[in-house]
Amino acid sequence: MMSASFHMSSNWTRRVLTAAVLAPALLLLACGGDDSPRNRIKPIQATLTIDPFPNSPDPAVYLVKDPKNGQFPDLETVQIRLYTTTPVTFDAYTIEMHFDPSRVQVGNAFEFDAGILGGCNSGLPCAPFCIINQSDVNSTGTLLIGVAKSASTCPDTTVSLDTMLVRIGFIAQTTIDPPGTPIDLIQGAGHGDCEILLGLTDLGIPCVGGNALMTASR
């Protein structure tokens, strides 16, 4: 059973991510015959920029953008990764991200790495607790994620190379002028911050946000 000292609220274990990916906004207004003019409202084209991670510090948690998905131009997906060149053993991690919910929303392009602590939603006996504040994430603009092994008898995870922890989709809600709206990876004291933990102890691995900025145009 997960200790109350784990840095997430226990009622999150009853929640699942259900936020829907918004379809591209494409509206054709036509009147008259085939020769009548048509007004086209172009879909929102989102662009996310993140400073390249320089492989330092080592180890570190950092953000990297996935290749653009042409099917959903308003969607950008981001991986949160653990970079290390030496073995890191952990039994839990937490992630906190902040964004402006009037401009950006969290969508359902959401994936936990299946190799971490037995795999979220795997159905295996040692599948970890995987919790998220889905009920208010897109109203508060604060995303909180927690993954922890489900019992003391379950194995820890050890990684010794660059490894994805979780993939998250962010959707532009409106046009966003340069320099863009930030999507911040939060590190600091408090519940739900970016932490890699072992035995309820923060391993002190730094988190690098990479100055992530979302812009959007039509």
C-alpha atoms as a PDB file:
ATOM      1  CA  MET A   1       0.000   0.000   0.000  1.00  0.00           C
ATOM      2  CA  MET A   2       1.430   3.413  -0.932  1.00  0.00           C
ATOM      3  CA  SER A   3       2.668   5.434   2.060  1.00  0.00           C
ATOM      4  CA  ALA A   4       1.123   8.796   2.850  1.00  0.00           C
ATOM      5  CA  SER A   5       4.673  10.147   2.637  1.00  0.00           C
ATOM      6  CA  PHE A   6       4.669   9.566  -1.095  1.00  0.00           C
ATOM      7  CA  HIS A   7       4.344  13.019  -2.624  1.00  0.00           C
ATOM      8  CA  MET A   8       0.857  12.756  -4.098  1.00  0.00           C
ATOM      9  CA  SER A   9      -2.676  12.910  -2.670  1.00  0.00           C
ATOM     10  CA  SER A  10      -4.153   9.454  -2.026  1.00  0.00           C
ATOM     11  CA  ASN A  11      -7.455  10.248  -3.658  1.00  0.00           C
ATOM     12  CA  TRP A  12      -5.701  10.522  -7.014  1.00  0.00           C
ATOM     13  CA  THR A  13      -5.580   6.716  -7.146  1.00  0.00           C
ATOM     14  CA  ARG A  14      -9.247   6.812  -8.160  1.00  0.00           C
ATOM     15  CA  ARG A  15      -8.646   9.062 -11.145  1.00  0.00           C
ATOM     16  CA  VAL A  16      -7.768   8.338 -14.771  1.00  0.00           C
ATOM     17  CA  LEU A  17      -6.832  10.624 -17.622  1.00  0.00           C
ATOM     18  CA  THR A  18      -9.889  11.168 -19.834  1.00  0.00           C
ATOM     19  CA  ALA A  19      -9.238  14.548 -21.445  1.00  0.00           C
ATOM     20  CA  ALA A  20     -10.059  14.247 -25.159  1.00  0.00           C
ATOM     21  CA  VAL A  21      -7.824  15.356 -27.987  1.00  0.00           C
ATOM     22  CA  LEU A  22      -9.556  18.176 -29.809  1.00  0.00           C
ATOM     23  CA  ALA A  23     -10.070  17.571 -33.520  1.00  0.00           C
ATOM     24  CA  PRO A  24      -8.505  20.106 -35.899  1.00  0.00           C
ATOM     25  CA  ALA A  25     -10.859  23.040 -36.461  1.00  0.00           C
ATOM     26  CA  LEU A  26     -11.724  22.943 -40.132  1.00  0.00           C
ATOM     27  CA  LEU A  27     -15.003  24.636 -41.114  1.00  0.00           C
ATOM     28  CA  LEU A  28     -16.146  25.208 -44.696  1.00  0.00           C
ATOM     29  CA  LEU A  29     -18.922  27.755 -45.231  1.00  0.00           C
ATOM     30  CA  ALA A  30     -20.482  27.588 -48.661  1.00  0.00           C
ATOM     31  CA  CYS A  31     -23.529  29.039 -50.357  1.00  0.00           C
ATOM     32  CA  GLY A  32     -24.896  28.799 -53.898  1.00  0.00           C
ATOM     33  CA  GLY A  33     -23.566  26.503 -56.595  1.00  0.00           C
ATOM     34  CA  ASP A  34     -20.164  25.098 -57.360  1.00  0.00           C
ATOM     35  CA  ASP A  35     -18.845  28.513 -58.450  1.00  0.00           C
ATOM     36  CA  SER A  36     -19.716  30.229 -55.149  1.00  0.00           C
ATOM     37  CA  PRO A  37     -16.809  31.470 -53.012  1.00  0.00           C
ATOM     38  CA  ARG A  38     -15.956  29.550 -49.870  1.00  0.00           C
ATOM     39  CA  ASN A  39     -14.631  30.885 -46.578  1.00  0.00           C
ATOM     40  CA  ARG A  40     -12.109  28.609 -44.949  1.00  0.00           C
ATOM     41  CA  ILE A  41     -11.194  28.831 -41.279  1.00  0.00           C
ATOM     42  CA  LYS A  42      -7.782  27.261 -41.077  1.00  0.00           C
ATOM     43  CA  PRO A  43      -6.970  24.836 -38.253  1.00  0.00           C
ATOM     44  CA  ILE A  44      -4.689  25.971 -35.469  1.00  0.00           C
ATOM     45  CA  GLN A  45      -1.067  25.101 -36.182  1.00  0.00           C
ATOM     46  CA  ALA A  46       0.801  24.593 -32.915  1.00  0.00           C
ATOM     47  CA  THR A  47       4.581  24.800 -32.648  1.00  0.00           C
ATOM     48  CA  LEU A  48       6.459  23.807 -29.520  1.00  0.00           C
ATOM     49  CA  THR A  49      10.107  24.748 -29.057  1.00  0.00           C
ATOM     50  CA  ILE A  50      12.359  23.233 -26.375  1.00  0.00           C
ATOM     51  CA  ASP A  51      16.036  23.970 -25.885  1.00  0.00           C
ATOM     52  CA  PRO A  52      18.116  20.869 -26.704  1.00  0.00           C
ATOM     53  CA  PHE A  53      19.258  18.985 -23.620  1.00  0.00           C
ATOM     54  CA  PRO A  54      23.081  19.096 -23.525  1.00  0.00           C
ATOM     55  CA  ASN A  55      23.454  15.759 -21.664  1.00  0.00           C
ATOM     56  CA  SER A  56      24.299  17.701 -18.534  1.00  0.00           C
ATOM     57  CA  PRO A  57      23.672  17.492 -15.637  1.00  0.00           C
ATOM     58  CA  ASP A  58      24.017  13.720 -15.447  1.00  0.00           C
ATOM     59  CA  PRO A  59      21.637  12.326 -14.263  1.00  0.00           C
ATOM     60  CA  ALA A  60      18.705  14.651 -14.985  1.00  0.00           C
ATOM     61  CA  VAL A  61      15.031  14.667 -15.871  1.00  0.00           C
ATOM     62  CA  TYR A  62      14.373  16.666 -19.034  1.00  0.00           C
ATOM     63  CA  LEU A  63      11.851  17.392 -21.803  1.00  0.00           C
ATOM     64  CA  VAL A  64      12.113  16.489 -25.464  1.00  0.00           C
ATOM     65  CA  LYS A  65       9.547  17.110 -28.196  1.00  0.00           C
ATOM     66  CA  ASP A  66       8.281  14.265 -30.384  1.00  0.00           C
ATOM     67  CA  PRO A  67       8.155  14.713 -34.162  1.00  0.00           C
ATOM     68  CA  LYS A  68       5.120  16.709 -35.242  1.00  0.00           C
ATOM     69  CA  ASN A  69       1.950  14.693 -35.891  1.00  0.00           C
ATOM     70  CA  GLY A  70       0.483  16.034 -39.124  1.00  0.00           C
ATOM     71  CA  GLN A  71      -2.922  14.497 -38.385  1.00  0.00           C
ATOM     72  CA  PHE A  72      -3.493  16.864 -35.449  1.00  0.00           C
ATOM     73  CA  PRO A  73      -1.856  20.221 -36.216  1.00  0.00           C
ATOM     74  CA  ASP A  74      -2.966  21.726 -32.887  1.00  0.00           C
ATOM     75  CA  LEU A  75      -1.268  18.919 -30.909  1.00  0.00           C
ATOM     76  CA  GLU A  76       2.345  18.653 -29.724  1.00  0.00           C
ATOM     77  CA  THR A  77       3.604  15.652 -27.749  1.00  0.00           C
ATOM     78  CA  VAL A  78       6.403  15.828 -25.203  1.00  0.00           C
ATOM     79  CA  GLN A  79       8.457  13.100 -23.580  1.00  0.00           C
ATOM     80  CA  ILE A  80       9.671  13.450 -20.009  1.00  0.00           C
ATOM     81  CA  ARG A  81      12.898  11.472 -19.904  1.00  0.00           C
ATOM     82  CA  LEU A  82      15.445  10.403 -17.325  1.00  0.00           C
ATOM     83  CA  TYR A  83      18.963  10.869 -18.669  1.00  0.00           C
ATOM     84  CA  THR A  84      21.766   8.973 -16.981  1.00  0.00           C
ATOM     85  CA  THR A  85      25.005   7.237 -17.910  1.00  0.00           C
ATOM     86  CA  THR A  86      25.293   5.385 -14.582  1.00  0.00           C
ATOM     87  CA  PRO A  87      22.693   3.128 -12.930  1.00  0.00           C
ATOM     88  CA  VAL A  88      19.848   4.921 -11.125  1.00  0.00           C
ATOM     89  CA  THR A  89      17.525   2.763  -8.990  1.00  0.00           C
ATOM     90  CA  PHE A  90      14.142   4.133  -7.943  1.00  0.00           C
ATOM     91  CA  ASP A  91      10.720   2.969  -6.799  1.00  0.00           C
ATOM     92  CA  ALA A  92       8.653   6.093  -7.547  1.00  0.00           C
ATOM     93  CA  TYR A  93       8.652   9.383  -9.389  1.00  0.00           C
ATOM     94  CA  THR A  94       6.513  12.506  -9.465  1.00  0.00           C
ATOM     95  CA  ILE A  95       6.086  15.132 -12.180  1.00  0.00           C
ATOM     96  CA  GLU A  96       4.589  18.612 -11.928  1.00  0.00           C
ATOM     97  CA  MET A  97       4.012  20.872 -14.934  1.00  0.00           C
ATOM     98  CA  HIS A  98       2.378  24.308 -15.175  1.00  0.00           C
ATOM     99  CA  PHE A  99       0.747  25.940 -18.196  1.00  0.00           C
ATOM    100  CA  ASP A 100      -1.860  28.569 -19.083  1.00  0.00           C
ATOM    101  CA  PRO A 101      -5.106  26.574 -19.498  1.00  0.00           C
ATOM    102  CA  SER A 102      -6.718  29.365 -21.526  1.00  0.00           C
ATOM    103  CA  ARG A 103      -4.062  28.772 -24.178  1.00  0.00           C
ATOM    104  CA  VAL A 104      -2.969  25.152 -23.732  1.00  0.00           C
ATOM    105  CA  GLN A 105      -4.747  21.982 -22.565  1.00  0.00           C
ATOM    106  CA  VAL A 106      -3.561  18.465 -21.766  1.00  0.00           C
ATOM    107  CA  GLY A 107      -4.923  15.946 -24.263  1.00  0.00           C
ATOM    108  CA  ASN A 108      -5.181  12.163 -24.335  1.00  0.00           C
ATOM    109  CA  ALA A 109      -1.936  11.566 -26.215  1.00  0.00           C
ATOM    110  CA  PHE A 110      -0.678  10.110 -22.938  1.00  0.00           C
ATOM    111  CA  GLU A 111       1.634   7.130 -22.462  1.00  0.00           C
ATOM    112  CA  PHE A 112       3.609   5.722 -19.538  1.00  0.00           C
ATOM    113  CA  ASP A 113       6.790   3.769 -20.308  1.00  0.00           C
ATOM    114  CA  ALA A 114       5.863   0.093 -19.979  1.00  0.00           C
ATOM    115  CA  GLY A 115       9.297  -0.801 -18.615  1.00  0.00           C
ATOM    116  CA  ILE A 116       9.094   1.398 -15.512  1.00  0.00           C
ATOM    117  CA  LEU A 117       8.122  -0.439 -12.291  1.00  0.00           C
ATOM    118  CA  GLY A 118       6.137  -3.111 -14.111  1.00  0.00           C
ATOM    119  CA  GLY A 119       4.204  -0.836 -16.439  1.00  0.00           C
ATOM    120  CA  CYS A 120       1.254   1.430 -15.679  1.00  0.00           C
ATOM    121  CA  ASN A 121      -2.101  -0.189 -16.516  1.00  0.00           C
ATOM    122  CA  SER A 122      -0.335  -3.448 -17.435  1.00  0.00           C
ATOM    123  CA  GLY A 123      -2.595  -5.594 -15.259  1.00  0.00           C
ATOM    124  CA  LEU A 124       0.451  -7.430 -13.875  1.00  0.00           C
ATOM    125  CA  PRO A 125       0.551  -8.280 -10.150  1.00  0.00           C
ATOM    126  CA  CYS A 126       3.220  -5.628  -9.534  1.00  0.00           C
ATOM    127  CA  ALA A 127       1.773  -2.940 -11.816  1.00  0.00           C
ATOM    128  CA  PRO A 128       2.544   0.379 -10.104  1.00  0.00           C
ATOM    129  CA  PHE A 129       0.171   3.024  -8.855  1.00  0.00           C
ATOM    130  CA  CYS A 130      -0.136   5.583 -11.677  1.00  0.00           C
ATOM    131  CA  ILE A 131      -2.132   8.642 -10.705  1.00  0.00           C
ATOM    132  CA  ILE A 132      -2.933  12.029 -12.195  1.00  0.00           C
ATOM    133  CA  ASN A 133      -5.110  15.006 -11.286  1.00  0.00           C
ATOM    134  CA  GLN A 134      -7.315  14.593 -14.360  1.00  0.00           C
ATOM    135  CA  SER A 135     -10.390  16.193 -12.783  1.00  0.00           C
ATOM    136  CA  ASP A 136      -8.897  19.680 -12.624  1.00  0.00           C
ATOM    137  CA  VAL A 137      -5.754  19.665 -14.788  1.00  0.00           C
ATOM    138  CA  ASN A 138      -7.317  21.710 -17.602  1.00  0.00           C
ATOM    139  CA  SER A 139      -8.965  24.209 -15.275  1.00  0.00           C
ATOM    140  CA  THR A 140      -6.007  24.832 -12.968  1.00  0.00           C
ATOM    141  CA  GLY A 141      -3.190  24.567 -15.495  1.00  0.00           C
ATOM    142  CA  THR A 142      -1.271  22.312 -13.099  1.00  0.00           C
ATOM    143  CA  LEU A 143      -0.480  18.744 -14.170  1.00  0.00           C
ATOM    144  CA  LEU A 144       0.480  16.349 -11.364  1.00  0.00           C
ATOM    145  CA  ILE A 145       1.658  12.808 -12.089  1.00  0.00           C
ATOM    146  CA  GLY A 146       2.746  10.130  -9.635  1.00  0.00           C
ATOM    147  CA  VAL A 147       4.034   6.627 -10.314  1.00  0.00           C
ATOM    148  CA  ALA A 148       5.045   4.317  -7.444  1.00  0.00           C
ATOM    149  CA  LYS A 149       5.517   0.605  -6.948  1.00  0.00           C
ATOM    150  CA  SER A 150       2.426  -0.919  -5.434  1.00  0.00           C
ATOM    151  CA  ALA A 151       3.997  -3.089  -2.707  1.00  0.00           C
ATOM    152  CA  SER A 152       7.295  -3.424  -0.868  1.00  0.00           C
ATOM    153  CA  THR A 153       7.693  -6.903  -2.361  1.00  0.00           C
ATOM    154  CA  CYS A 154       7.583  -5.510  -5.913  1.00  0.00           C
ATOM    155  CA  PRO A 155      10.925  -4.789  -7.614  1.00  0.00           C
ATOM    156  CA  ASP A 156      12.468  -1.373  -7.987  1.00  0.00           C
ATOM    157  CA  THR A 157      13.449  -0.060 -11.431  1.00  0.00           C
ATOM    158  CA  THR A 158      17.068   0.527 -12.442  1.00  0.00           C
ATOM    159  CA  VAL A 159      17.945   2.485 -15.580  1.00  0.00           C
ATOM    160  CA  SER A 160      21.439   3.228 -16.850  1.00  0.00           C
ATOM    161  CA  LEU A 161      20.692   5.052 -20.087  1.00  0.00           C
ATOM    162  CA  ASP A 162      18.391   7.724 -21.507  1.00  0.00           C
ATOM    163  CA  THR A 163      14.847   6.453 -20.768  1.00  0.00           C
ATOM    164  CA  MET A 164      11.356   7.844 -21.343  1.00  0.00           C
ATOM    165  CA  LEU A 165       9.209   8.067 -18.226  1.00  0.00           C
ATOM    166  CA  VAL A 166       5.985   9.410 -19.734  1.00  0.00           C
ATOM    167  CA  ARG A 167       4.682  11.029 -22.936  1.00  0.00           C
ATOM    168  CA  ILE A 168       2.141  13.865 -22.722  1.00  0.00           C
ATOM    169  CA  GLY A 169       0.085  15.628 -25.392  1.00  0.00           C
ATOM    170  CA  PHE A 170      -0.480  19.396 -25.223  1.00  0.00           C
ATOM    171  CA  ILE A 171      -3.129  21.075 -27.393  1.00  0.00           C
ATOM    172  CA  ALA A 172      -3.147  24.726 -28.426  1.00  0.00           C
ATOM    173  CA  GLN A 173      -6.553  26.213 -27.637  1.00  0.00           C
ATOM    174  CA  THR A 174      -6.094  29.458 -29.561  1.00  0.00           C
ATOM    175  CA  THR A 175      -3.535  31.381 -31.550  1.00  0.00           C
ATOM    176  CA  ILE A 176      -0.452  32.191 -29.470  1.00  0.00           C
ATOM    177  CA  ASP A 177       1.929  34.910 -30.581  1.00  0.00           C
ATOM    178  CA  PRO A 178       5.704  34.677 -30.167  1.00  0.00           C
ATOM    179  CA  PRO A 179       7.588  34.339 -27.902  1.00  0.00           C
ATOM    180  CA  GLY A 180       4.904  31.854 -26.878  1.00  0.00           C
ATOM    181  CA  THR A 181       3.305  30.537 -23.705  1.00  0.00           C
ATOM    182  CA  PRO A 182       5.488  28.485 -21.332  1.00  0.00           C
ATOM    183  CA  ILE A 183       4.977  24.850 -20.372  1.00  0.00           C
ATOM    184  CA  ASP A 184       7.057  24.606 -17.218  1.00  0.00           C
ATOM    185  CA  LEU A 185       8.549  21.527 -15.586  1.00  0.00           C
ATOM    186  CA  ILE A 186       8.502  22.341 -11.866  1.00  0.00           C
ATOM    187  CA  GLN A 187      11.186  21.457  -9.337  1.00  0.00           C
ATOM    188  CA  GLY A 188      11.142  22.522  -5.720  1.00  0.00           C
ATOM    189  CA  ALA A 189       9.770  21.768  -2.290  1.00  0.00           C
ATOM    190  CA  GLY A 190       6.170  20.579  -2.125  1.00  0.00           C
ATOM    191  CA  HIS A 191       3.816  17.820  -3.239  1.00  0.00           C
ATOM    192  CA  GLY A 192       4.012  16.553  -6.793  1.00  0.00           C
ATOM    193  CA  ASP A 193       7.243  18.287  -7.812  1.00  0.00           C
ATOM    194  CA  CYS A 194       9.630  16.683 -10.286  1.00  0.00           C
ATOM    195  CA  GLU A 195      11.342  14.034  -8.156  1.00  0.00           C
ATOM    196  CA  ILE A 196      12.895  10.591  -8.575  1.00  0.00           C
ATOM    197  CA  LEU A 197      12.474   8.668  -5.304  1.00  0.00           C
ATOM    198  CA  LEU A 198      13.769   5.559  -3.575  1.00  0.00           C
ATOM    199  CA  GLY A 199      12.362   4.449  -0.233  1.00  0.00           C
ATOM    200  CA  LEU A 200      10.443   7.751   0.010  1.00  0.00           C
ATOM    201  CA  THR A 201      13.711   9.690  -0.323  1.00  0.00           C
ATOM    202  CA  ASP A 202      14.212  12.216  -3.116  1.00  0.00           C
ATOM    203  CA  LEU A 203      17.406  11.211  -4.947  1.00  0.00           C
ATOM    204  CA  GLY A 204      18.071  14.866  -5.730  1.00  0.00           C
ATOM    205  CA  ILE A 205      18.142  14.429  -9.508  1.00  0.00           C
ATOM    206  CA  PRO A 206      17.665  17.865 -11.116  1.00  0.00           C
ATOM    207  CA  CYS A 207      14.884  18.586 -13.592  1.00  0.00           C
ATOM    208  CA  VAL A 208      15.585  20.666 -16.705  1.00  0.00           C
ATOM    209  CA  GLY A 209      12.582  22.352 -18.312  1.00  0.00           C
ATOM    210  CA  GLY A 210      14.333  23.434 -21.493  1.00  0.00           C
ATOM    211  CA  ASN A 211      12.447  26.742 -21.798  1.00  0.00           C
ATOM    212  CA  ALA A 212       9.464  25.017 -23.470  1.00  0.00           C
ATOM    213  CA  LEU A 213       7.289  27.543 -25.351  1.00  0.00           C
ATOM    214  CA  MET A 214       4.115  26.919 -27.366  1.00  0.00           C
ATOM    215  CA  THR A 215       3.145  29.222 -30.224  1.00  0.00           C
ATOM    216  CA  ALA A 216       0.140  28.760 -32.522  1.00  0.00           C
ATOM    217  CA  SER A 217      -1.176  30.329 -35.697  1.00  0.00           C
ATOM    218  CA  ARG A 218      -3.858  29.790 -38.322  1.00  0.00           C
END
